[in-house]
Amino acid sequence: MNLPRMRSIRQALEMIKEEDPNSCLTSYYIRDLCKKNKVRHIKSGTKIMVNYDDLLKFISEK
C-alpha cells in the first residue's frame, strides 16, 4: 500500500527550499492552491496538510 506524503504547508515549503534554495514559492501560494482545490489536501481544524507529491506534480506542470 502506497501512503501519500502528507505535509504541513510549512514542512512542504521547507522540503522544496532544501532542493532549490532560490525557489520563489511561498506558503501563501501553497495555501492558495489548497483553497482553490488545485492540489489534494486535508484540513484538521485550522491546519492544512498538503499531499506533497501532488504539489510537486502541479508545480512541475506549470
PDB file of N, CA and C in Angstrom:
ATOM      1  N   MET A   1       0.849  -1.177   0.000  1.00  0.00           N
ATOM      2  CA  MET A   1       0.000   0.000   0.000  1.00  0.00           C
ATOM      3  C   MET A   1       0.896   1.242   0.000  1.00  0.00           C
ATOM      4  N   ASN A   2       0.599   2.160  -0.882  1.00  0.00           N
ATOM      5  CA  ASN A   2       1.375   3.388  -1.016  1.00  0.00           C
ATOM      6  C   ASN A   2       0.690   4.528  -0.265  1.00  0.00           C
ATOM      7  N   LEU A   3       1.319   5.001   0.786  1.00  0.00           N
ATOM      8  CA  LEU A   3       0.741   6.106   1.552  1.00  0.00           C
ATOM      9  C   LEU A   3       1.188   7.440   0.968  1.00  0.00           C
ATOM     10  N   PRO A   4       0.270   8.402   0.868  1.00  0.00           N
ATOM     11  CA  PRO A   4       0.666   9.718   0.368  1.00  0.00           C
ATOM     12  C   PRO A   4       1.535  10.442   1.394  1.00  0.00           C
ATOM     13  N   ARG A   5       2.456  11.239   0.901  1.00  0.00           N
ATOM     14  CA  ARG A   5       3.313  12.029   1.798  1.00  0.00           C
ATOM     15  C   ARG A   5       2.579  13.324   2.128  1.00  0.00           C
ATOM     16  N   MET A   6       1.885  13.315   3.251  1.00  0.00           N
ATOM     17  CA  MET A   6       1.137  14.481   3.700  1.00  0.00           C
ATOM     18  C   MET A   6       2.044  15.327   4.585  1.00  0.00           C
ATOM     19  N   ARG A   7       2.133  16.608   4.248  1.00  0.00           N
ATOM     20  CA  ARG A   7       2.988  17.531   4.992  1.00  0.00           C
ATOM     21  C   ARG A   7       2.214  18.817   5.273  1.00  0.00           C
ATOM     22  N   SER A   8       2.581  19.477   6.355  1.00  0.00           N
ATOM     23  CA  SER A   8       2.008  20.799   6.594  1.00  0.00           C
ATOM     24  C   SER A   8       2.552  21.726   5.515  1.00  0.00           C
ATOM     25  N   ILE A   9       1.925  22.845   5.345  1.00  0.00           N
ATOM     26  CA  ILE A   9       2.380  23.802   4.338  1.00  0.00           C
ATOM     27  C   ILE A   9       3.818  24.215   4.632  1.00  0.00           C
ATOM     28  N   ARG A  10       4.128  24.463   5.874  1.00  0.00           N
ATOM     29  CA  ARG A  10       5.476  24.871   6.263  1.00  0.00           C
ATOM     30  C   ARG A  10       6.495  23.773   5.955  1.00  0.00           C
ATOM     31  N   GLN A  11       6.149  22.522   6.283  1.00  0.00           N
ATOM     32  CA  GLN A  11       7.063  21.410   6.009  1.00  0.00           C
ATOM     33  C   GLN A  11       7.286  21.230   4.509  1.00  0.00           C
ATOM     34  N   ALA A  12       6.206  21.331   3.725  1.00  0.00           N
ATOM     35  CA  ALA A  12       6.320  21.179   2.277  1.00  0.00           C
ATOM     36  C   ALA A  12       7.228  22.260   1.700  1.00  0.00           C
ATOM     37  N   LEU A  13       7.055  23.477   2.168  1.00  0.00           N
ATOM     38  CA  LEU A  13       7.883  24.584   1.687  1.00  0.00           C
ATOM     39  C   LEU A  13       9.348  24.372   2.073  1.00  0.00           C
ATOM     40  N   GLU A  14       9.596  23.905   3.287  1.00  0.00           N
ATOM     41  CA  GLU A  14      10.971  23.633   3.724  1.00  0.00           C
ATOM     42  C   GLU A  14      11.619  22.565   2.853  1.00  0.00           C
ATOM     43  N   MET A  15      10.865  21.519   2.507  1.00  0.00           N
ATOM     44  CA  MET A  15      11.403  20.445   1.666  1.00  0.00           C
ATOM     45  C   MET A  15      11.746  20.966   0.275  1.00  0.00           C
ATOM     46  N   ILE A  16      10.904  21.824  -0.261  1.00  0.00           N
ATOM     47  CA  ILE A  16      11.170  22.407  -1.581  1.00  0.00           C
ATOM     48  C   ILE A  16      12.394  23.309  -1.515  1.00  0.00           C
ATOM     49  N   LYS A  17      12.489  24.104  -0.453  1.00  0.00           N
ATOM     50  CA  LYS A  17      13.635  25.017  -0.301  1.00  0.00           C
ATOM     51  C   LYS A  17      14.947  24.258  -0.114  1.00  0.00           C
ATOM     52  N   GLU A  18      14.893  23.048   0.461  1.00  0.00           N
ATOM     53  CA  GLU A  18      16.101  22.231   0.594  1.00  0.00           C
ATOM     54  C   GLU A  18      16.633  21.834  -0.780  1.00  0.00           C
ATOM     55  N   GLU A  19      15.714  21.476  -1.679  1.00  0.00           N
ATOM     56  CA  GLU A  19      16.124  21.074  -3.028  1.00  0.00           C
ATOM     57  C   GLU A  19      16.495  22.268  -3.892  1.00  0.00           C
ATOM     58  N   ASP A  20      15.788  23.385  -3.704  1.00  0.00           N
ATOM     59  CA  ASP A  20      16.040  24.587  -4.502  1.00  0.00           C
ATOM     60  C   ASP A  20      16.013  25.811  -3.583  1.00  0.00           C
ATOM     61  N   PRO A  21      17.160  26.180  -3.021  1.00  0.00           N
ATOM     62  CA  PRO A  21      17.206  27.310  -2.085  1.00  0.00           C
ATOM     63  C   PRO A  21      16.736  28.638  -2.689  1.00  0.00           C
ATOM     64  N   ASN A  22      16.790  28.781  -3.997  1.00  0.00           N
ATOM     65  CA  ASN A  22      16.383  30.035  -4.637  1.00  0.00           C
ATOM     66  C   ASN A  22      14.933  30.026  -5.103  1.00  0.00           C
ATOM     67  N   SER A  23      14.174  29.027  -4.698  1.00  0.00           N
ATOM     68  CA  SER A  23      12.774  28.925  -5.101  1.00  0.00           C
ATOM     69  C   SER A  23      11.986  30.145  -4.618  1.00  0.00           C
ATOM     70  N   CYS A  24      11.126  30.643  -5.462  1.00  0.00           N
ATOM     71  CA  CYS A  24      10.287  31.800  -5.107  1.00  0.00           C
ATOM     72  C   CYS A  24       8.938  31.372  -4.541  1.00  0.00           C
ATOM     73  N   LEU A  25       8.736  30.077  -4.362  1.00  0.00           N
ATOM     74  CA  LEU A  25       7.483  29.562  -3.836  1.00  0.00           C
ATOM     75  C   LEU A  25       7.270  30.066  -2.410  1.00  0.00           C
ATOM     76  N   THR A  26       6.034  30.400  -2.067  1.00  0.00           N
ATOM     77  CA  THR A  26       5.725  30.901  -0.730  1.00  0.00           C
ATOM     78  C   THR A  26       4.635  30.052  -0.084  1.00  0.00           C
ATOM     79  N   SER A  27       4.534  30.142   1.221  1.00  0.00           N
ATOM     80  CA  SER A  27       3.480  29.418   1.929  1.00  0.00           C
ATOM     81  C   SER A  27       2.107  29.959   1.530  1.00  0.00           C
ATOM     82  N   TYR A  28       2.030  31.248   1.252  1.00  0.00           N
ATOM     83  CA  TYR A  28       0.768  31.841   0.810  1.00  0.00           C
ATOM     84  C   TYR A  28       0.297  31.189  -0.489  1.00  0.00           C
ATOM     85  N   TYR A  29       1.214  30.969  -1.427  1.00  0.00           N
ATOM     86  CA  TYR A  29       0.875  30.351  -2.711  1.00  0.00           C
ATOM     87  C   TYR A  29       0.376  28.920  -2.511  1.00  0.00           C
ATOM     88  N   ILE A  30       1.060  28.155  -1.661  1.00  0.00           N
ATOM     89  CA  ILE A  30       0.643  26.776  -1.408  1.00  0.00           C
ATOM     90  C   ILE A  30      -0.742  26.758  -0.757  1.00  0.00           C
ATOM     91  N   ARG A  31      -0.954  27.649   0.202  1.00  0.00           N
ATOM     92  CA  ARG A  31      -2.261  27.743   0.863  1.00  0.00           C
ATOM     93  C   ARG A  31      -3.348  28.102  -0.144  1.00  0.00           C
ATOM     94  N   ASP A  32      -3.043  28.989  -1.064  1.00  0.00           N
ATOM     95  CA  ASP A  32      -3.997  29.397  -2.090  1.00  0.00           C
ATOM     96  C   ASP A  32      -4.329  28.223  -3.026  1.00  0.00           C
ATOM     97  N   LEU A  33      -3.330  27.424  -3.370  1.00  0.00           N
ATOM     98  CA  LEU A  33      -3.571  26.242  -4.202  1.00  0.00           C
ATOM     99  C   LEU A  33      -4.536  25.286  -3.509  1.00  0.00           C
ATOM    100  N   CYS A  34      -4.383  25.154  -2.196  1.00  0.00           N
ATOM    101  CA  CYS A  34      -5.282  24.289  -1.429  1.00  0.00           C
ATOM    102  C   CYS A  34      -6.695  24.853  -1.409  1.00  0.00           C
ATOM    103  N   LYS A  35      -6.814  26.138  -1.177  1.00  0.00           N
ATOM    104  CA  LYS A  35      -8.136  26.769  -1.141  1.00  0.00           C
ATOM    105  C   LYS A  35      -8.869  26.637  -2.470  1.00  0.00           C
ATOM    106  N   LYS A  36      -8.115  26.678  -3.562  1.00  0.00           N
ATOM    107  CA  LYS A  36      -8.705  26.561  -4.906  1.00  0.00           C
ATOM    108  C   LYS A  36      -8.795  25.109  -5.383  1.00  0.00           C
ATOM    109  N   ASN A  37      -8.468  24.164  -4.488  1.00  0.00           N
ATOM    110  CA  ASN A  37      -8.504  22.732  -4.785  1.00  0.00           C
ATOM    111  C   ASN A  37      -7.659  22.346  -5.990  1.00  0.00           C
ATOM    112  N   LYS A  38      -6.530  22.978  -6.141  1.00  0.00           N
ATOM    113  CA  LYS A  38      -5.597  22.647  -7.233  1.00  0.00           C
ATOM    114  C   LYS A  38      -4.706  21.472  -6.847  1.00  0.00           C
ATOM    115  N   VAL A  39      -4.467  21.278  -5.549  1.00  0.00           N
ATOM    116  CA  VAL A  39      -3.687  20.148  -5.042  1.00  0.00           C
ATOM    117  C   VAL A  39      -4.501  19.450  -3.956  1.00  0.00           C
ATOM    118  N   ARG A  40      -4.285  18.152  -3.828  1.00  0.00           N
ATOM    119  CA  ARG A  40      -5.012  17.407  -2.809  1.00  0.00           C
ATOM    120  C   ARG A  40      -4.500  17.788  -1.429  1.00  0.00           C
ATOM    121  N   HIS A  41      -5.440  17.917  -0.495  1.00  0.00           N
ATOM    122  CA  HIS A  41      -5.100  18.306   0.865  1.00  0.00           C
ATOM    123  C   HIS A  41      -6.224  17.888   1.805  1.00  0.00           C
ATOM    124  N   ILE A  42      -5.941  17.918   3.092  1.00  0.00           N
ATOM    125  CA  ILE A  42      -6.969  17.705   4.101  1.00  0.00           C
ATOM    126  C   ILE A  42      -6.826  18.790   5.149  1.00  0.00           C
ATOM    127  N   LYS A  43      -7.934  19.111   5.793  1.00  0.00           N
ATOM    128  CA  LYS A  43      -7.913  20.098   6.867  1.00  0.00           C
ATOM    129  C   LYS A  43      -8.228  19.400   8.174  1.00  0.00           C
ATOM    130  N   SER A  44      -7.483  19.748   9.188  1.00  0.00           N
ATOM    131  CA  SER A  44      -7.730  19.260  10.530  1.00  0.00           C
ATOM    132  C   SER A  44      -7.783  20.486  11.426  1.00  0.00           C
ATOM    133  N   GLY A  45      -8.965  20.946  11.694  1.00  0.00           N
ATOM    134  CA  GLY A  45      -9.119  22.203  12.418  1.00  0.00           C
ATOM    135  C   GLY A  45      -8.660  23.333  11.516  1.00  0.00           C
ATOM    136  N   THR A  46      -7.649  24.053  11.947  1.00  0.00           N
ATOM    137  CA  THR A  46      -7.118  25.142  11.121  1.00  0.00           C
ATOM    138  C   THR A  46      -5.877  24.714  10.343  1.00  0.00           C
ATOM    139  N   LYS A  47      -5.369  23.526  10.646  1.00  0.00           N
ATOM    140  CA  LYS A  47      -4.149  23.043   9.990  1.00  0.00           C
ATOM    141  C   LYS A  47      -4.490  22.412   8.639  1.00  0.00           C
ATOM    142  N   ILE A  48      -3.695  22.739   7.639  1.00  0.00           N
ATOM    143  CA  ILE A  48      -3.857  22.174   6.302  1.00  0.00           C
ATOM    144  C   ILE A  48      -2.685  21.237   6.043  1.00  0.00           C
ATOM    145  N   MET A  49      -3.006  19.998   5.676  1.00  0.00           N
ATOM    146  CA  MET A  49      -1.992  19.009   5.324  1.00  0.00           C
ATOM    147  C   MET A  49      -2.086  18.795   3.812  1.00  0.00           C
ATOM    148  N   VAL A  50      -1.004  19.108   3.122  1.00  0.00           N
ATOM    149  CA  VAL A  50      -0.986  19.037   1.669  1.00  0.00           C
ATOM    150  C   VAL A  50      -0.304  17.744   1.222  1.00  0.00           C
ATOM    151  N   ASN A  51      -0.812  17.172   0.136  1.00  0.00           N
ATOM    152  CA  ASN A  51      -0.186  15.994  -0.460  1.00  0.00           C
ATOM    153  C   ASN A  51       1.062  16.488  -1.186  1.00  0.00           C
ATOM    154  N   TYR A  52       2.225  16.181  -0.635  1.00  0.00           N
ATOM    155  CA  TYR A  52       3.485  16.718  -1.139  1.00  0.00           C
ATOM    156  C   TYR A  52       3.757  16.303  -2.585  1.00  0.00           C
ATOM    157  N   ASP A  53       3.486  15.050  -2.910  1.00  0.00           N
ATOM    158  CA  ASP A  53       3.736  14.571  -4.274  1.00  0.00           C
ATOM    159  C   ASP A  53       2.818  15.268  -5.280  1.00  0.00           C
ATOM    160  N   ASP A  54       1.571  15.498  -4.884  1.00  0.00           N
ATOM    161  CA  ASP A  54       0.633  16.204  -5.748  1.00  0.00           C
ATOM    162  C   ASP A  54       1.077  17.657  -5.960  1.00  0.00           C
ATOM    163  N   LEU A  55       1.603  18.268  -4.906  1.00  0.00           N
ATOM    164  CA  LEU A  55       2.110  19.637  -5.002  1.00  0.00           C
ATOM    165  C   LEU A  55       3.280  19.710  -5.986  1.00  0.00           C
ATOM    166  N   LEU A  56       4.224  18.762  -5.870  1.00  0.00           N
ATOM    167  CA  LEU A  56       5.357  18.742  -6.787  1.00  0.00           C
ATOM    168  C   LEU A  56       4.906  18.530  -8.233  1.00  0.00           C
ATOM    169  N   LYS A  57       3.940  17.662  -8.412  1.00  0.00           N
ATOM    170  CA  LYS A  57       3.411  17.401  -9.758  1.00  0.00           C
ATOM    171  C   LYS A  57       2.786  18.673 -10.341  1.00  0.00           C
ATOM    172  N   PHE A  58       1.981  19.367  -9.543  1.00  0.00           N
ATOM    173  CA  PHE A  58       1.334  20.589 -10.011  1.00  0.00           C
ATOM    174  C   PHE A  58       2.366  21.646 -10.393  1.00  0.00           C
ATOM    175  N   ILE A  59       3.368  21.812  -9.541  1.00  0.00           N
ATOM    176  CA  ILE A  59       4.400  22.825  -9.797  1.00  0.00           C
ATOM    177  C   ILE A  59       5.210  22.485 -11.055  1.00  0.00           C
ATOM    178  N   SER A  60       5.521  21.221 -11.232  1.00  0.00           N
ATOM    179  CA  SER A  60       6.340  20.838 -12.383  1.00  0.00           C
ATOM    180  C   SER A  60       5.588  20.963 -13.707  1.00  0.00           C
ATOM    181  N   GLU A  61       4.262  20.929 -13.649  1.00  0.00           N
ATOM    182  CA  GLU A  61       3.456  21.057 -14.871  1.00  0.00           C
ATOM    183  C   GLU A  61       3.278  22.500 -15.305  1.00  0.00           C
ATOM    184  N   LYS A  62       3.536  23.436 -14.440  1.00  0.00           N
ATOM    185  CA  LYS A  62       3.333  24.863 -14.758  1.00  0.00           C
ATOM    186  C   LYS A  62       4.542  25.459 -15.399  1.00  0.00           C
TER     187      LYS A  62
END
